[in-house]
């Protein structure tokens, strides 16, 4: 599984096959404090919104699940989330691994995306 891990000042185009929420969680499990992962490049708010995103529906859903997993990891104090402008209306979204908390472990099921049936 190839991951994009880079120093904060290096930005290369995101890989063609995009990261999934499961791959993101796997990266968190093995990341050392300070490791960086670019998990999206674009405009996350627009790219994940159904009525305005130009992404195909499966890609938009994958990205929504990834963004949710990143936010849950942030709330669990596992990563810092950073965005860096790389052009007009274009950002690199980075997760920076934090020191793992010493308290009770966080179950994997809390990190992966779950959607309730509508």
Foldseek 3Di string as FASTA:
>chain_A
DDFDWDQPPDDDDDDPDADALVNVLVCLVPDDAFTKGQRDKAQLVQCLDVVRHPDPPVVSVRSVQNVQLLVLCVVQVQWDWDWDDPDVRIIGIMTGGHPHDPPDDDDPVSRGDDDDDD
